[in-house]
């Protein structure tokens, strides 16, 4: 290689190294940003999974009883108290009301601020159409041609940590709702 060719390519390797460092830095910053988003998504996924398992447990309790009415302590509209848990939930209580009381105590412990939301955001209702539940009560008390609708709730630090599109601004209560026919 002649002297003039060397002078023309002088510093070229340094520019290549700087460009590759810039590309690597941008990639690392992108991964850090993804990691910061992954943490709330993972936490929400864990809470939703817990809520799903609790709802499934409650549905099994109700199906075993064979009926879900206000008289047996099963129907619990928003704003109502769940049945009280007996002194011991082990062995499983024989009455549906006591079983739901044990379930409510377990749900209150398993979900963040679940105990504080039991009366205001949790409910077990009968409804004809989805969401036919108001803050004052269930959609219907009829046991025919209706479905059981269950809602569980938990709180998060900020609305961004909840993957529920209804949670925005200062609302930090996430919900999980399921409907099924018995």
N, C-alpha and C. Protein backbone atom coordinates (compact mmCIF):
# COMPACT_ATOMS: atom_id res chain seq x y z
N UNK A 1 0.84 -1.15 0.00
CA UNK A 1 0.00 0.00 0.00
C UNK A 1 0.90 1.23 0.00
N UNK A 2 0.58 2.19 -0.84
CA UNK A 2 1.42 3.39 -0.94
C UNK A 2 1.10 4.34 0.21
N UNK A 3 1.97 5.29 0.39
CA UNK A 3 1.85 6.25 1.49
C UNK A 3 0.58 7.08 1.36
N UNK A 4 0.20 7.49 0.16
CA UNK A 4 -1.01 8.31 -0.02
C UNK A 4 -2.28 7.50 0.27
N UNK A 5 -2.28 6.21 -0.05
CA UNK A 5 -3.44 5.36 0.25
C UNK A 5 -3.60 5.18 1.75
N UNK A 6 -2.49 5.10 2.46
CA UNK A 6 -2.54 4.97 3.92
C UNK A 6 -3.12 6.24 4.55
N UNK A 7 -2.71 7.38 4.01
CA UNK A 7 -3.22 8.64 4.57
C UNK A 7 -4.71 8.79 4.33
N UNK A 8 -5.22 8.33 3.19
CA UNK A 8 -6.64 8.43 2.90
C UNK A 8 -7.49 7.53 3.82
N UNK A 9 -6.93 6.40 4.22
CA UNK A 9 -7.68 5.49 5.08
C UNK A 9 -7.36 5.67 6.56
N UNK A 10 -6.53 6.64 6.90
CA UNK A 10 -6.18 6.87 8.30
C UNK A 10 -7.42 7.31 9.07
N UNK A 11 -7.68 6.67 10.23
CA UNK A 11 -8.82 7.01 11.07
C UNK A 11 -10.11 6.29 10.67
N UNK A 12 -10.11 5.55 9.59
CA UNK A 12 -11.31 4.86 9.14
C UNK A 12 -11.74 3.81 10.15
N UNK A 13 -10.82 3.07 10.71
CA UNK A 13 -11.14 2.06 11.72
C UNK A 13 -11.73 2.71 12.96
N UNK A 14 -11.27 3.88 13.34
CA UNK A 14 -11.82 4.58 14.49
C UNK A 14 -13.27 4.97 14.25
N UNK A 15 -13.62 5.40 13.06
CA UNK A 15 -15.00 5.76 12.73
C UNK A 15 -15.88 4.51 12.78
N UNK A 16 -15.39 3.39 12.27
CA UNK A 16 -16.15 2.14 12.34
C UNK A 16 -16.42 1.74 13.78
N UNK A 17 -15.45 1.87 14.64
CA UNK A 17 -15.61 1.52 16.05
C UNK A 17 -16.63 2.45 16.71
N UNK A 18 -16.59 3.74 16.44
CA UNK A 18 -17.54 4.68 17.02
C UNK A 18 -18.97 4.41 16.55
N UNK A 19 -19.14 4.11 15.29
CA UNK A 19 -20.47 3.80 14.75
C UNK A 19 -21.01 2.52 15.38
N UNK A 20 -20.17 1.50 15.50
CA UNK A 20 -20.63 0.25 16.11
C UNK A 20 -20.96 0.45 17.60
N UNK A 21 -20.21 1.30 18.30
CA UNK A 21 -20.54 1.61 19.70
C UNK A 21 -21.87 2.34 19.80
N UNK A 22 -22.14 3.26 18.89
CA UNK A 22 -23.40 3.98 18.88
C UNK A 22 -24.58 3.03 18.65
N UNK A 23 -24.44 2.13 17.70
CA UNK A 23 -25.50 1.16 17.42
C UNK A 23 -25.72 0.24 18.62
N UNK A 24 -24.65 -0.20 19.24
CA UNK A 24 -24.76 -1.06 20.42
C UNK A 24 -25.44 -0.31 21.57
N UNK A 25 -25.07 0.96 21.79
CA UNK A 25 -25.67 1.75 22.86
C UNK A 25 -27.16 1.94 22.63
N UNK A 26 -27.58 2.19 21.40
CA UNK A 26 -29.00 2.34 21.09
C UNK A 26 -29.74 1.03 21.37
N UNK A 27 -29.15 -0.08 20.99
CA UNK A 27 -29.76 -1.39 21.26
C UNK A 27 -29.90 -1.67 22.74
N UNK A 28 -28.88 -1.35 23.52
CA UNK A 28 -28.94 -1.58 24.97
C UNK A 28 -29.99 -0.68 25.61
N UNK A 29 -30.07 0.57 25.19
CA UNK A 29 -31.09 1.47 25.73
C UNK A 29 -32.50 0.98 25.40
N UNK A 30 -32.68 0.43 24.23
CA UNK A 30 -33.98 -0.14 23.85
C UNK A 30 -34.34 -1.32 24.74
N UNK A 31 -33.37 -2.15 25.04
CA UNK A 31 -33.63 -3.30 25.91
C UNK A 31 -33.97 -2.86 27.33
N UNK A 32 -33.31 -1.81 27.81
CA UNK A 32 -33.61 -1.29 29.14
C UNK A 32 -35.04 -0.75 29.18
N UNK A 33 -35.44 -0.05 28.12
CA UNK A 33 -36.81 0.47 28.06
C UNK A 33 -37.82 -0.68 28.04
N UNK A 34 -37.53 -1.74 27.31
CA UNK A 34 -38.43 -2.90 27.29
C UNK A 34 -38.52 -3.55 28.66
N UNK A 35 -37.40 -3.62 29.35
CA UNK A 35 -37.39 -4.23 30.68
C UNK A 35 -38.26 -3.43 31.65
N UNK A 36 -38.20 -2.11 31.55
CA UNK A 36 -39.01 -1.29 32.46
C UNK A 36 -40.50 -1.46 32.18
N UNK A 37 -40.88 -1.79 30.95
CA UNK A 37 -42.28 -2.05 30.62
C UNK A 37 -42.68 -3.48 30.99
N UNK A 38 -41.75 -4.40 30.96
CA UNK A 38 -42.04 -5.81 31.23
C UNK A 38 -42.42 -6.04 32.69
N UNK A 39 -41.85 -5.28 33.60
CA UNK A 39 -42.12 -5.50 35.02
C UNK A 39 -43.60 -5.28 35.36
N UNK A 40 -44.22 -4.14 34.97
CA UNK A 40 -45.66 -4.00 35.27
C UNK A 40 -46.52 -5.04 34.57
N UNK A 41 -46.18 -5.40 33.35
CA UNK A 41 -46.95 -6.41 32.63
C UNK A 41 -46.89 -7.75 33.36
N UNK A 42 -45.71 -8.08 33.87
CA UNK A 42 -45.55 -9.33 34.61
C UNK A 42 -46.36 -9.29 35.90
N UNK A 43 -46.31 -8.18 36.62
CA UNK A 43 -47.07 -8.06 37.86
C UNK A 43 -48.57 -8.17 37.59
N UNK A 44 -49.05 -7.52 36.54
CA UNK A 44 -50.46 -7.60 36.20
C UNK A 44 -50.84 -9.03 35.84
N UNK A 45 -49.97 -9.70 35.11
CA UNK A 45 -50.23 -11.09 34.73
C UNK A 45 -50.34 -11.99 35.97
N UNK A 46 -49.48 -11.78 36.94
CA UNK A 46 -49.53 -12.57 38.17
C UNK A 46 -50.84 -12.32 38.91
N UNK A 47 -51.24 -11.05 39.03
CA UNK A 47 -52.48 -10.73 39.75
C UNK A 47 -53.69 -11.28 39.01
N UNK A 48 -53.71 -11.18 37.67
CA UNK A 48 -54.84 -11.71 36.89
C UNK A 48 -54.91 -13.23 37.02
N UNK A 49 -53.77 -13.87 37.04
CA UNK A 49 -53.74 -15.33 37.20
C UNK A 49 -54.30 -15.71 38.57
N UNK A 50 -53.92 -14.97 39.60
CA UNK A 50 -54.45 -15.23 40.95
C UNK A 50 -55.96 -15.03 40.96
N UNK A 51 -56.43 -13.96 40.33
CA UNK A 51 -57.88 -13.69 40.27
C UNK A 51 -58.61 -14.81 39.51
N UNK A 52 -58.03 -15.29 38.42
CA UNK A 52 -58.65 -16.38 37.66
C UNK A 52 -58.77 -17.65 38.50
N UNK A 53 -57.70 -17.97 39.23
CA UNK A 53 -57.75 -19.17 40.07
C UNK A 53 -58.78 -19.03 41.18
N UNK A 54 -58.86 -17.83 41.79
CA UNK A 54 -59.85 -17.60 42.84
C UNK A 54 -61.27 -17.70 42.28
N UNK A 55 -61.51 -17.12 41.11
CA UNK A 55 -62.84 -17.20 40.48
C UNK A 55 -63.19 -18.64 40.14
N UNK A 56 -62.22 -19.40 39.66
CA UNK A 56 -62.45 -20.81 39.36
C UNK A 56 -62.79 -21.59 40.63
N UNK A 57 -62.07 -21.30 41.72
CA UNK A 57 -62.37 -21.96 43.00
C UNK A 57 -63.80 -21.64 43.45
N UNK A 58 -64.19 -20.37 43.32
CA UNK A 58 -65.54 -19.97 43.72
C UNK A 58 -66.60 -20.66 42.86
N UNK A 59 -66.35 -20.74 41.56
CA UNK A 59 -67.31 -21.43 40.69
C UNK A 59 -67.43 -22.90 41.07
N UNK A 60 -66.33 -23.53 41.43
CA UNK A 60 -66.39 -24.93 41.87
C UNK A 60 -67.22 -25.07 43.15
N UNK A 61 -67.06 -24.12 44.07
CA UNK A 61 -67.85 -24.14 45.31
C UNK A 61 -69.33 -24.01 44.98
N UNK A 62 -69.68 -23.07 44.09
CA UNK A 62 -71.08 -22.84 43.73
C UNK A 62 -71.65 -24.05 42.99
N UNK A 63 -70.89 -24.62 42.06
CA UNK A 63 -71.37 -25.78 41.31
C UNK A 63 -71.61 -26.97 42.22
N UNK A 64 -70.74 -27.14 43.20
CA UNK A 64 -70.91 -28.24 44.15
C UNK A 64 -72.19 -28.08 44.95
N UNK A 65 -72.53 -26.84 45.29
CA UNK A 65 -73.75 -26.59 46.07
C UNK A 65 -75.00 -26.83 45.23
N UNK A 66 -74.90 -26.61 43.94
CA UNK A 66 -76.04 -26.85 43.05
C UNK A 66 -76.94 -25.66 42.82
N UNK A 67 -76.88 -24.66 43.67
CA UNK A 67 -77.72 -23.48 43.47
C UNK A 67 -77.00 -22.25 44.01
N UNK A 68 -77.40 -21.12 43.50
CA UNK A 68 -76.80 -19.86 43.93
C UNK A 68 -77.93 -18.85 44.10
N UNK A 69 -78.30 -18.61 45.35
CA UNK A 69 -79.39 -17.70 45.65
C UNK A 69 -78.96 -16.75 46.76
N UNK A 70 -79.75 -15.74 46.98
CA UNK A 70 -79.50 -14.82 48.08
C UNK A 70 -79.68 -15.54 49.42
N UNK A 71 -80.64 -16.47 49.47
CA UNK A 71 -80.95 -17.18 50.72
C UNK A 71 -79.78 -18.02 51.22
N UNK A 72 -79.01 -18.62 50.30
CA UNK A 72 -77.90 -19.47 50.77
C UNK A 72 -76.57 -18.71 50.84
N UNK A 73 -76.62 -17.39 50.72
CA UNK A 73 -75.41 -16.57 50.88
C UNK A 73 -74.55 -16.49 49.66
N UNK A 74 -75.04 -16.99 48.54
CA UNK A 74 -74.22 -17.00 47.33
C UNK A 74 -74.26 -15.66 46.61
N UNK A 75 -75.43 -15.10 46.40
CA UNK A 75 -75.55 -13.83 45.69
C UNK A 75 -75.08 -12.71 46.61
N UNK A 76 -74.06 -11.99 46.16
CA UNK A 76 -73.50 -10.89 46.94
C UNK A 76 -73.35 -9.69 46.02
N UNK A 77 -74.34 -8.79 46.00
CA UNK A 77 -74.26 -7.62 45.11
C UNK A 77 -73.12 -6.68 45.51
N UNK A 78 -72.74 -5.78 44.60
CA UNK A 78 -71.71 -4.79 44.96
C UNK A 78 -72.16 -3.99 46.18
N UNK A 79 -71.25 -3.74 47.07
CA UNK A 79 -71.55 -2.98 48.27
C UNK A 79 -72.09 -3.82 49.42
N UNK A 80 -72.27 -5.12 49.18
CA UNK A 80 -72.77 -6.00 50.23
C UNK A 80 -71.63 -6.77 50.88
N UNK A 81 -71.87 -7.18 52.11
CA UNK A 81 -70.88 -7.99 52.81
C UNK A 81 -70.95 -9.43 52.35
N UNK A 82 -69.78 -10.04 52.18
CA UNK A 82 -69.73 -11.47 51.92
C UNK A 82 -70.03 -12.18 53.24
N UNK A 83 -70.49 -13.43 53.18
CA UNK A 83 -70.72 -14.16 54.43
C UNK A 83 -69.43 -14.22 55.25
N UNK A 84 -69.59 -14.27 56.55
CA UNK A 84 -68.43 -14.35 57.44
C UNK A 84 -67.81 -15.74 57.37
N UNK A 85 -66.51 -15.77 57.48
CA UNK A 85 -65.81 -17.05 57.51
C UNK A 85 -65.98 -17.65 58.90
N UNK A 86 -66.13 -18.97 59.01
CA UNK A 86 -66.20 -19.59 60.33
C UNK A 86 -64.84 -19.52 61.02
N UNK A 87 -64.79 -19.96 62.27
CA UNK A 87 -63.54 -19.92 63.02
C UNK A 87 -62.44 -20.71 62.32
N UNK A 88 -62.81 -21.80 61.68
CA UNK A 88 -61.82 -22.61 60.97
C UNK A 88 -62.39 -23.03 59.62
N UNK A 89 -61.58 -22.89 58.60
CA UNK A 89 -61.99 -23.31 57.25
C UNK A 89 -61.42 -24.69 56.91
N UNK A 90 -60.82 -25.31 57.88
CA UNK A 90 -60.22 -26.61 57.67
C UNK A 90 -60.73 -27.55 58.74
N UNK A 91 -61.52 -28.52 58.47
CA UNK A 91 -61.95 -29.01 57.17
C UNK A 91 -62.97 -28.05 56.53
N UNK A 92 -63.24 -28.28 55.29
CA UNK A 92 -64.17 -27.42 54.54
C UNK A 92 -65.54 -27.42 55.21
N UNK A 93 -66.09 -26.23 55.45
CA UNK A 93 -67.42 -26.14 56.06
C UNK A 93 -68.47 -26.81 55.18
N UNK A 94 -69.58 -27.19 55.79
CA UNK A 94 -70.63 -27.90 55.06
C UNK A 94 -71.62 -26.97 54.37
N UNK A 95 -71.83 -25.76 54.89
CA UNK A 95 -72.80 -24.87 54.27
C UNK A 95 -72.14 -24.00 53.21
N UNK A 96 -72.91 -23.66 52.18
CA UNK A 96 -72.40 -22.83 51.09
C UNK A 96 -71.98 -21.46 51.61
N UNK A 97 -72.77 -20.90 52.51
CA UNK A 97 -72.46 -19.59 53.05
C UNK A 97 -71.09 -19.59 53.73
N UNK A 98 -70.81 -20.59 54.53
CA UNK A 98 -69.52 -20.67 55.22
C UNK A 98 -68.38 -20.91 54.23
N UNK A 99 -68.62 -21.70 53.20
CA UNK A 99 -67.59 -21.94 52.18
C UNK A 99 -67.26 -20.65 51.44
N UNK A 100 -68.29 -19.87 51.12
CA UNK A 100 -68.05 -18.59 50.44
C UNK A 100 -67.35 -17.64 51.40
N UNK A 101 -67.67 -17.69 52.68
CA UNK A 101 -66.96 -16.88 53.66
C UNK A 101 -65.47 -17.23 53.71
N UNK A 102 -65.16 -18.51 53.69
CA UNK A 102 -63.75 -18.95 53.66
C UNK A 102 -63.08 -18.49 52.38
N UNK A 103 -63.81 -18.61 51.25
CA UNK A 103 -63.25 -18.16 49.98
C UNK A 103 -62.97 -16.66 50.01
N UNK A 104 -63.90 -15.87 50.53
CA UNK A 104 -63.74 -14.41 50.59
C UNK A 104 -62.53 -14.04 51.44
N UNK A 105 -62.34 -14.74 52.55
CA UNK A 105 -61.16 -14.47 53.39
C UNK A 105 -59.88 -14.78 52.63
N UNK A 106 -59.88 -15.89 51.89
CA UNK A 106 -58.71 -16.26 51.10
C UNK A 106 -58.46 -15.23 49.98
N UNK A 107 -59.52 -14.80 49.31
CA UNK A 107 -59.38 -13.81 48.23
C UNK A 107 -58.87 -12.49 48.78
N UNK A 108 -59.34 -12.10 49.95
CA UNK A 108 -58.89 -10.86 50.58
C UNK A 108 -57.40 -10.88 50.88
N UNK A 109 -56.88 -12.05 51.20
CA UNK A 109 -55.44 -12.17 51.48
C UNK A 109 -54.62 -12.30 50.21
N UNK A 110 -55.17 -12.92 49.17
CA UNK A 110 -54.38 -13.25 47.97
C UNK A 110 -54.17 -12.08 47.02
N UNK A 111 -55.10 -11.14 46.99
CA UNK A 111 -55.00 -10.02 46.05
C UNK A 111 -54.62 -8.74 46.80
N UNK A 112 -53.78 -7.89 46.20
CA UNK A 112 -53.40 -6.64 46.86
C UNK A 112 -54.62 -5.78 47.19
N UNK A 113 -54.76 -5.44 48.46
CA UNK A 113 -55.89 -4.69 49.00
C UNK A 113 -57.22 -5.40 48.75
N UNK A 114 -57.17 -6.69 48.56
CA UNK A 114 -58.40 -7.46 48.33
C UNK A 114 -59.37 -7.35 49.49
N UNK A 115 -58.85 -7.37 50.70
CA UNK A 115 -59.71 -7.28 51.88
C UNK A 115 -60.46 -5.94 51.90
N UNK A 116 -59.77 -4.87 51.51
CA UNK A 116 -60.41 -3.56 51.48
C UNK A 116 -61.42 -3.40 50.37
N UNK A 117 -61.30 -4.20 49.32
CA UNK A 117 -62.20 -4.09 48.17
C UNK A 117 -63.34 -5.11 48.19
N UNK A 118 -63.33 -6.04 49.15
CA UNK A 118 -64.36 -7.09 49.19
C UNK A 118 -65.77 -6.52 49.12
N UNK A 119 -66.08 -5.51 49.91
CA UNK A 119 -67.45 -4.98 49.95
C UNK A 119 -67.76 -4.06 48.79
N UNK A 120 -66.75 -3.37 48.26
CA UNK A 120 -67.04 -2.35 47.25
C UNK A 120 -66.86 -2.82 45.81
N UNK A 121 -65.91 -3.71 45.55
CA UNK A 121 -65.60 -4.04 44.16
C UNK A 121 -65.79 -5.51 43.82
N UNK A 122 -65.90 -6.38 44.81
CA UNK A 122 -66.16 -7.81 44.55
C UNK A 122 -67.67 -8.01 44.50
N UNK A 123 -68.12 -8.94 43.67
CA UNK A 123 -69.53 -9.31 43.72
C UNK A 123 -69.75 -10.66 43.08
N UNK A 124 -70.88 -11.27 43.45
CA UNK A 124 -71.39 -12.49 42.81
C UNK A 124 -72.84 -12.17 42.50
N UNK A 125 -73.19 -12.10 41.23
CA UNK A 125 -74.55 -11.71 40.84
C UNK A 125 -75.09 -12.63 39.77
N UNK A 126 -76.39 -12.62 39.65
CA UNK A 126 -77.06 -13.22 38.50
C UNK A 126 -77.40 -12.08 37.56
N UNK A 127 -77.20 -12.31 36.27
CA UNK A 127 -77.55 -11.28 35.30
C UNK A 127 -77.96 -11.92 33.99
N UNK A 128 -78.79 -11.21 33.27
CA UNK A 128 -79.26 -11.68 31.98
C UNK A 128 -78.27 -11.29 30.89
N UNK A 129 -77.76 -10.08 30.96
CA UNK A 129 -76.80 -9.60 29.98
C UNK A 129 -75.50 -9.22 30.68
N UNK A 130 -74.37 -9.31 30.01
CA UNK A 130 -73.09 -8.97 30.64
C UNK A 130 -73.09 -7.53 31.15
N UNK A 131 -72.58 -7.36 32.35
CA UNK A 131 -72.46 -6.02 32.93
C UNK A 131 -73.76 -5.47 33.48
N UNK A 132 -74.80 -6.30 33.58
CA UNK A 132 -76.09 -5.86 34.08
C UNK A 132 -76.07 -5.79 35.61
N UNK A 133 -74.98 -5.26 36.13
CA UNK A 133 -74.80 -5.14 37.57
C UNK A 133 -74.50 -3.67 37.86
N UNK A 134 -75.23 -3.11 38.80
CA UNK A 134 -75.02 -1.71 39.16
C UNK A 134 -74.44 -1.64 40.56
N UNK A 135 -74.06 -0.46 40.96
CA UNK A 135 -73.51 -0.29 42.30
C UNK A 135 -74.55 -0.55 43.37
N UNK A 136 -75.82 -0.56 42.99
CA UNK A 136 -76.87 -0.79 43.98
C UNK A 136 -77.36 -2.23 44.01
N UNK A 137 -77.00 -3.03 43.03
CA UNK A 137 -77.47 -4.41 43.08
C UNK A 137 -77.24 -5.19 41.81
N UNK A 138 -77.66 -6.45 41.88
CA UNK A 138 -77.51 -7.36 40.75
C UNK A 138 -78.59 -7.10 39.71
N UNK A 139 -78.36 -7.63 38.51
CA UNK A 139 -79.29 -7.42 37.42
C UNK A 139 -80.63 -8.09 37.65
N UNK A 140 -80.63 -9.29 38.25
CA UNK A 140 -81.87 -10.02 38.49
C UNK A 140 -81.67 -10.99 39.64
N UNK A 141 -82.77 -11.43 40.21
CA UNK A 141 -82.68 -12.46 41.25
C UNK A 141 -83.19 -13.79 40.72
N UNK A 142 -83.65 -13.80 39.48
CA UNK A 142 -84.19 -15.01 38.87
C UNK A 142 -83.08 -16.02 38.62
N UNK A 143 -83.36 -17.28 38.88
CA UNK A 143 -82.38 -18.34 38.65
C UNK A 143 -82.56 -18.99 37.28
N UNK A 144 -83.56 -18.57 36.51
CA UNK A 144 -83.79 -19.16 35.20
C UNK A 144 -83.27 -18.24 34.09
N UNK A 145 -82.65 -18.82 33.11
CA UNK A 145 -82.10 -18.10 31.95
C UNK A 145 -81.18 -16.95 32.34
N UNK A 146 -80.42 -17.16 33.39
CA UNK A 146 -79.45 -16.15 33.82
C UNK A 146 -78.09 -16.81 33.99
N UNK A 147 -77.10 -15.99 34.08
CA UNK A 147 -75.74 -16.48 34.29
C UNK A 147 -75.19 -15.86 35.57
N UNK A 148 -74.22 -16.55 36.13
CA UNK A 148 -73.53 -16.03 37.31
C UNK A 148 -72.41 -15.14 36.81
N UNK A 149 -72.33 -13.95 37.35
CA UNK A 149 -71.25 -13.02 37.02
C UNK A 149 -70.47 -12.75 38.30
N UNK A 150 -69.17 -12.96 38.23
CA UNK A 150 -68.30 -12.78 39.40
C UNK A 150 -67.25 -11.73 39.04
N UNK A 151 -67.04 -10.80 39.95
CA UNK A 151 -65.98 -9.81 39.75
C UNK A 151 -65.07 -9.81 40.98
N UNK A 152 -63.77 -9.79 40.72
CA UNK A 152 -62.75 -9.66 41.75
C UNK A 152 -61.95 -8.41 41.43
N UNK A 153 -61.31 -7.83 42.44
CA UNK A 153 -60.57 -6.58 42.22
C UNK A 153 -59.31 -6.54 43.08
N UNK A 154 -58.36 -5.73 42.65
CA UNK A 154 -57.13 -5.49 43.40
C UNK A 154 -56.61 -4.12 43.02
N UNK A 155 -55.74 -3.58 43.84
CA UNK A 155 -55.20 -2.25 43.55
C UNK A 155 -53.75 -2.35 43.11
N UNK A 156 -53.36 -1.34 42.33
CA UNK A 156 -51.98 -1.19 41.87
C UNK A 156 -51.51 0.22 42.21
N UNK A 157 -50.22 0.46 42.08
CA UNK A 157 -49.68 1.77 42.44
C UNK A 157 -50.09 2.86 41.48
N UNK A 158 -50.13 2.54 40.18
CA UNK A 158 -50.54 3.53 39.18
C UNK A 158 -51.36 2.83 38.10
N UNK A 159 -52.18 3.58 37.41
CA UNK A 159 -53.04 3.01 36.37
C UNK A 159 -52.24 2.33 35.27
N UNK A 160 -51.00 2.76 35.05
CA UNK A 160 -50.16 2.17 34.02
C UNK A 160 -49.79 0.72 34.33
N UNK A 161 -49.92 0.30 35.59
CA UNK A 161 -49.57 -1.07 35.98
C UNK A 161 -50.71 -2.05 35.75
N UNK A 162 -51.86 -1.55 35.34
CA UNK A 162 -53.02 -2.40 35.11
C UNK A 162 -53.29 -2.47 33.61
N UNK A 163 -53.40 -3.66 33.09
CA UNK A 163 -53.62 -3.82 31.66
C UNK A 163 -55.10 -3.77 31.29
N UNK A 164 -55.90 -3.24 32.19
CA UNK A 164 -57.33 -3.07 31.97
C UNK A 164 -57.55 -1.71 31.32
N UNK A 165 -58.16 -1.64 30.13
CA UNK A 165 -58.34 -0.35 29.46
C UNK A 165 -59.25 0.62 30.21
N UNK A 166 -60.06 0.11 31.15
CA UNK A 166 -60.95 0.98 31.92
C UNK A 166 -60.24 1.68 33.07
N UNK A 167 -59.02 1.28 33.35
CA UNK A 167 -58.26 1.87 34.45
C UNK A 167 -57.39 2.99 33.90
N UNK A 168 -57.76 4.22 34.23
CA UNK A 168 -57.01 5.38 33.75
C UNK A 168 -56.93 6.42 34.86
N UNK A 169 -56.03 7.36 34.69
CA UNK A 169 -55.91 8.48 35.62
C UNK A 169 -55.58 8.03 37.03
N UNK A 170 -56.38 8.48 37.98
CA UNK A 170 -56.12 8.17 39.38
C UNK A 170 -56.77 6.87 39.83
N UNK A 171 -57.56 6.25 38.95
CA UNK A 171 -58.17 4.96 39.28
C UNK A 171 -57.08 3.89 39.29
N UNK A 172 -56.88 3.24 40.41
CA UNK A 172 -55.85 2.21 40.50
C UNK A 172 -56.44 0.86 40.90
N UNK A 173 -57.70 0.64 40.59
CA UNK A 173 -58.35 -0.63 40.90
C UNK A 173 -58.54 -1.44 39.62
N UNK A 174 -57.85 -2.56 39.54
CA UNK A 174 -57.98 -3.47 38.40
C UNK A 174 -59.05 -4.50 38.74
N UNK A 175 -59.75 -4.98 37.73
CA UNK A 175 -60.80 -5.96 37.96
C UNK A 175 -60.65 -7.15 37.03
N UNK A 176 -61.18 -8.27 37.48
CA UNK A 176 -61.31 -9.47 36.66
C UNK A 176 -62.75 -9.92 36.80
N UNK A 177 -63.42 -10.12 35.66
CA UNK A 177 -64.83 -10.49 35.67
C UNK A 177 -65.02 -11.73 34.81
N UNK A 178 -65.85 -12.64 35.31
CA UNK A 178 -66.16 -13.86 34.57
C UNK A 178 -67.66 -14.10 34.65
N UNK A 179 -68.22 -14.63 33.55
CA UNK A 179 -69.65 -14.99 33.50
C UNK A 179 -69.73 -16.45 33.09
N UNK A 180 -70.64 -17.15 33.72
CA UNK A 180 -70.83 -18.55 33.35
C UNK A 180 -72.24 -18.98 33.70
N UNK A 181 -72.68 -19.98 33.01
CA UNK A 181 -73.99 -20.58 33.30
C UNK A 181 -73.72 -21.84 34.13
N UNK A 182 -74.46 -22.00 35.20
CA UNK A 182 -74.25 -23.18 36.07
C UNK A 182 -74.89 -24.42 35.51
